[in-house]
Amino acid sequence: MDPMIYVAGQRLHAHQLRGATFGTRWRGYHPAQVDALLDRAADELDRLRRELTTATTEAERIRQALRQWQSRHTGCREHPTSPNSRWQQ
């Protein structure tokens, strides 16, 4: 399969950009410039995927910490109508 053919629902990977080839035509694009841009795009795609992985991991860590905190403090809530409540009705 040609790596530059887009298939709906499939992610584009950096190795596809780096391995992309194009046919040549008279008065076409400068191949070295196209290759340089594809390399930059592939590097950026790799960087963004790493950042996404880091952010996803951190979000899951925070969710777990919140669940643990909520479990420990479930019984600590004051009843809103108790005499010691700050929020009198």
N, C-alpha and C. Protein backbone atom coordinates (compact mmCIF):
# COMPACT_ATOMS: atom_id res chain seq x y z
N MET A 1 0.85 -1.19 0.00
CA MET A 1 0.00 0.00 0.00
C MET A 1 0.88 1.24 0.00
N ASP A 2 0.55 2.17 -0.82
CA ASP A 2 1.29 3.44 -0.89
C ASP A 2 1.13 4.17 0.44
N PRO A 3 2.24 4.53 1.11
CA PRO A 3 2.13 5.16 2.44
C PRO A 3 1.46 6.53 2.40
N MET A 4 1.34 7.15 1.25
CA MET A 4 0.74 8.48 1.21
C MET A 4 -0.76 8.44 0.92
N ILE A 5 -1.32 7.25 0.74
CA ILE A 5 -2.77 7.15 0.54
C ILE A 5 -3.44 7.18 1.90
N TYR A 6 -4.35 8.12 2.08
CA TYR A 6 -5.04 8.27 3.36
C TYR A 6 -6.23 7.32 3.40
N VAL A 7 -6.32 6.55 4.46
CA VAL A 7 -7.45 5.67 4.68
C VAL A 7 -8.18 6.18 5.91
N ALA A 8 -9.45 6.46 5.77
CA ALA A 8 -10.24 7.01 6.87
C ALA A 8 -10.11 6.13 8.11
N GLY A 9 -9.88 6.75 9.23
CA GLY A 9 -9.78 6.04 10.50
C GLY A 9 -8.40 5.53 10.83
N GLN A 10 -7.44 5.64 9.92
CA GLN A 10 -6.08 5.20 10.21
C GLN A 10 -5.21 6.40 10.52
N ARG A 11 -4.39 6.27 11.54
CA ARG A 11 -3.49 7.37 11.92
C ARG A 11 -2.29 7.42 11.00
N LEU A 12 -1.80 8.62 10.81
CA LEU A 12 -0.58 8.84 10.04
C LEU A 12 0.60 8.70 11.00
N HIS A 13 1.59 7.94 10.61
CA HIS A 13 2.77 7.72 11.44
C HIS A 13 3.99 8.39 10.82
N ALA A 14 4.93 8.73 11.69
CA ALA A 14 6.14 9.41 11.24
C ALA A 14 6.90 8.60 10.20
N HIS A 15 6.95 7.29 10.38
CA HIS A 15 7.70 6.47 9.41
C HIS A 15 7.06 6.53 8.03
N GLN A 16 5.74 6.77 7.97
CA GLN A 16 5.09 6.92 6.67
C GLN A 16 5.53 8.20 5.98
N LEU A 17 5.68 9.27 6.76
CA LEU A 17 6.16 10.52 6.19
C LEU A 17 7.60 10.39 5.72
N ARG A 18 8.41 9.75 6.55
CA ARG A 18 9.83 9.61 6.19
C ARG A 18 10.03 8.71 4.98
N GLY A 19 9.16 7.74 4.77
CA GLY A 19 9.30 6.81 3.66
C GLY A 19 8.49 7.19 2.43
N ALA A 20 7.85 8.34 2.47
CA ALA A 20 6.99 8.74 1.35
C ALA A 20 7.81 8.99 0.09
N THR A 21 7.27 8.56 -1.01
CA THR A 21 7.89 8.83 -2.31
C THR A 21 6.85 9.44 -3.22
N PHE A 22 7.30 10.26 -4.12
CA PHE A 22 6.41 10.94 -5.05
C PHE A 22 6.94 10.76 -6.46
N GLY A 23 6.03 10.67 -7.39
CA GLY A 23 6.43 10.62 -8.78
C GLY A 23 6.99 11.98 -9.21
N THR A 24 7.82 11.96 -10.19
CA THR A 24 8.40 13.21 -10.67
C THR A 24 7.72 13.63 -11.97
N ARG A 25 7.61 14.91 -12.14
CA ARG A 25 7.04 15.49 -13.35
C ARG A 25 7.85 16.71 -13.73
N TRP A 26 7.77 17.03 -14.92
CA TRP A 26 8.46 18.22 -15.38
C TRP A 26 7.90 19.43 -14.65
N ARG A 27 8.77 20.29 -14.15
CA ARG A 27 8.41 21.50 -13.41
C ARG A 27 7.67 21.19 -12.11
N GLY A 28 8.01 20.06 -11.49
CA GLY A 28 7.40 19.68 -10.21
C GLY A 28 8.10 20.35 -9.05
N TYR A 29 7.81 19.87 -7.87
CA TYR A 29 8.43 20.40 -6.66
C TYR A 29 9.88 19.99 -6.57
N HIS A 30 10.65 20.74 -5.82
CA HIS A 30 12.06 20.43 -5.60
C HIS A 30 12.13 19.28 -4.61
N PRO A 31 12.62 18.10 -5.01
CA PRO A 31 12.60 16.91 -4.15
C PRO A 31 13.28 17.10 -2.79
N ALA A 32 14.39 17.80 -2.74
CA ALA A 32 15.10 18.00 -1.46
C ALA A 32 14.26 18.84 -0.50
N GLN A 33 13.54 19.83 -1.03
CA GLN A 33 12.69 20.66 -0.17
C GLN A 33 11.51 19.85 0.35
N VAL A 34 10.92 19.02 -0.50
CA VAL A 34 9.80 18.16 -0.07
C VAL A 34 10.29 17.20 1.01
N ASP A 35 11.45 16.57 0.79
CA ASP A 35 11.99 15.64 1.77
C ASP A 35 12.27 16.33 3.11
N ALA A 36 12.82 17.54 3.04
CA ALA A 36 13.11 18.28 4.28
C ALA A 36 11.83 18.60 5.05
N LEU A 37 10.80 19.00 4.34
CA LEU A 37 9.53 19.31 5.01
C LEU A 37 8.91 18.05 5.60
N LEU A 38 8.95 16.95 4.86
CA LEU A 38 8.41 15.70 5.39
C LEU A 38 9.18 15.25 6.63
N ASP A 39 10.50 15.42 6.64
CA ASP A 39 11.28 15.08 7.83
C ASP A 39 10.88 15.94 9.02
N ARG A 40 10.72 17.23 8.79
CA ARG A 40 10.28 18.12 9.89
C ARG A 40 8.91 17.73 10.39
N ALA A 41 7.99 17.42 9.48
CA ALA A 41 6.63 17.03 9.88
C ALA A 41 6.67 15.71 10.66
N ALA A 42 7.50 14.77 10.24
CA ALA A 42 7.62 13.49 10.95
C ALA A 42 8.20 13.70 12.34
N ASP A 43 9.21 14.54 12.47
CA ASP A 43 9.79 14.84 13.79
C ASP A 43 8.75 15.47 14.71
N GLU A 44 7.98 16.39 14.16
CA GLU A 44 6.93 17.05 14.95
C GLU A 44 5.85 16.05 15.37
N LEU A 45 5.48 15.17 14.47
CA LEU A 45 4.50 14.14 14.79
C LEU A 45 5.01 13.24 15.91
N ASP A 46 6.26 12.83 15.85
CA ASP A 46 6.85 12.04 16.93
C ASP A 46 6.82 12.80 18.26
N ARG A 47 7.19 14.08 18.22
CA ARG A 47 7.21 14.89 19.45
C ARG A 47 5.82 15.01 20.04
N LEU A 48 4.84 15.26 19.20
CA LEU A 48 3.46 15.41 19.69
C LEU A 48 2.91 14.11 20.26
N ARG A 49 3.26 13.01 19.65
CA ARG A 49 2.82 11.71 20.19
C ARG A 49 3.45 11.45 21.55
N ARG A 50 4.72 11.81 21.72
CA ARG A 50 5.38 11.65 23.03
C ARG A 50 4.69 12.54 24.07
N GLU A 51 4.40 13.78 23.70
CA GLU A 51 3.71 14.69 24.64
C GLU A 51 2.33 14.16 25.00
N LEU A 52 1.62 13.62 24.04
CA LEU A 52 0.29 13.06 24.30
C LEU A 52 0.39 11.88 25.27
N THR A 53 1.36 11.03 25.07
CA THR A 53 1.56 9.89 25.97
C THR A 53 1.86 10.37 27.39
N THR A 54 2.73 11.36 27.50
CA THR A 54 3.06 11.91 28.82
C THR A 54 1.82 12.53 29.48
N ALA A 55 1.06 13.31 28.73
CA ALA A 55 -0.14 13.96 29.28
C ALA A 55 -1.19 12.93 29.68
N THR A 56 -1.37 11.89 28.88
CA THR A 56 -2.34 10.85 29.19
C THR A 56 -1.95 10.11 30.47
N THR A 57 -0.66 9.81 30.61
CA THR A 57 -0.17 9.14 31.81
C THR A 57 -0.38 10.01 33.04
N GLU A 58 -0.07 11.29 32.92
CA GLU A 58 -0.24 12.22 34.05
C GLU A 58 -1.72 12.37 34.41
N ALA A 59 -2.58 12.45 33.42
CA ALA A 59 -4.02 12.57 33.69
C ALA A 59 -4.53 11.34 34.43
N GLU A 60 -4.08 10.17 34.04
CA GLU A 60 -4.50 8.95 34.73
C GLU A 60 -3.98 8.91 36.17
N ARG A 61 -2.75 9.37 36.37
CA ARG A 61 -2.20 9.43 37.73
C ARG A 61 -3.03 10.37 38.60
N ILE A 62 -3.42 11.51 38.05
CA ILE A 62 -4.23 12.47 38.80
C ILE A 62 -5.62 11.91 39.10
N ARG A 63 -6.23 11.21 38.11
CA ARG A 63 -7.54 10.60 38.34
C ARG A 63 -7.47 9.59 39.48
N GLN A 64 -6.43 8.76 39.48
CA GLN A 64 -6.29 7.77 40.54
C GLN A 64 -6.07 8.43 41.90
N ALA A 65 -5.27 9.47 41.94
CA ALA A 65 -5.04 10.19 43.19
C ALA A 65 -6.34 10.82 43.70
N LEU A 66 -7.13 11.36 42.80
CA LEU A 66 -8.41 11.96 43.18
C LEU A 66 -9.35 10.90 43.73
N ARG A 67 -9.41 9.75 43.06
CA ARG A 67 -10.27 8.66 43.56
C ARG A 67 -9.85 8.23 44.96
N GLN A 68 -8.54 8.11 45.19
CA GLN A 68 -8.05 7.72 46.51
C GLN A 68 -8.41 8.77 47.55
N TRP A 69 -8.23 10.02 47.20
CA TRP A 69 -8.55 11.11 48.12
C TRP A 69 -10.05 11.09 48.44
N GLN A 70 -10.87 10.92 47.41
CA GLN A 70 -12.32 10.89 47.64
C GLN A 70 -12.71 9.71 48.52
N SER A 71 -12.08 8.55 48.32
CA SER A 71 -12.38 7.38 49.15
C SER A 71 -12.02 7.62 50.60
N ARG A 72 -10.88 8.25 50.84
CA ARG A 72 -10.45 8.53 52.22
C ARG A 72 -11.32 9.58 52.89
N HIS A 73 -11.88 10.49 52.14
CA HIS A 73 -12.61 11.61 52.73
C HIS A 73 -14.12 11.51 52.56
N THR A 74 -14.64 10.38 52.14
CA THR A 74 -16.08 10.24 51.95
C THR A 74 -16.84 10.50 53.24
N GLY A 75 -16.37 9.98 54.35
CA GLY A 75 -17.07 10.14 55.62
C GLY A 75 -16.77 11.45 56.32
N CYS A 76 -15.93 12.28 55.79
CA CYS A 76 -15.54 13.52 56.45
C CYS A 76 -16.47 14.68 56.15
N ARG A 77 -17.39 14.48 55.26
CA ARG A 77 -18.28 15.60 54.89
C ARG A 77 -19.23 15.92 56.03
N GLU A 78 -19.42 17.20 56.26
CA GLU A 78 -20.37 17.62 57.29
C GLU A 78 -21.75 17.63 56.69
N HIS A 79 -22.70 17.27 57.49
CA HIS A 79 -24.09 17.35 57.04
C HIS A 79 -24.47 18.82 56.97
N PRO A 80 -25.08 19.28 55.90
CA PRO A 80 -25.33 20.72 55.73
C PRO A 80 -26.23 21.33 56.80
N THR A 81 -27.00 20.54 57.51
CA THR A 81 -27.88 21.13 58.53
C THR A 81 -27.34 20.91 59.95
N SER A 82 -26.12 20.41 60.07
CA SER A 82 -25.57 20.19 61.40
C SER A 82 -25.25 21.55 62.04
N PRO A 83 -25.28 21.63 63.36
CA PRO A 83 -25.02 22.90 64.02
C PRO A 83 -23.60 23.40 63.81
N ASN A 84 -22.67 22.54 63.47
CA ASN A 84 -21.30 22.96 63.25
C ASN A 84 -21.00 23.36 61.80
N SER A 85 -21.99 23.30 60.95
CA SER A 85 -21.79 23.60 59.55
C SER A 85 -21.57 25.09 59.35
N ARG A 86 -20.65 25.42 58.48
CA ARG A 86 -20.41 26.84 58.13
C ARG A 86 -21.54 27.40 57.30
N TRP A 87 -22.23 26.55 56.62
CA TRP A 87 -23.24 26.98 55.64
C TRP A 87 -24.65 26.76 56.22
N GLN A 88 -25.02 27.63 57.12
CA GLN A 88 -26.35 27.55 57.71
C GLN A 88 -27.41 27.95 56.68
N GLN A 89 -28.52 27.26 56.75
CA GLN A 89 -29.60 27.60 55.81
C GLN A 89 -30.57 28.55 56.44
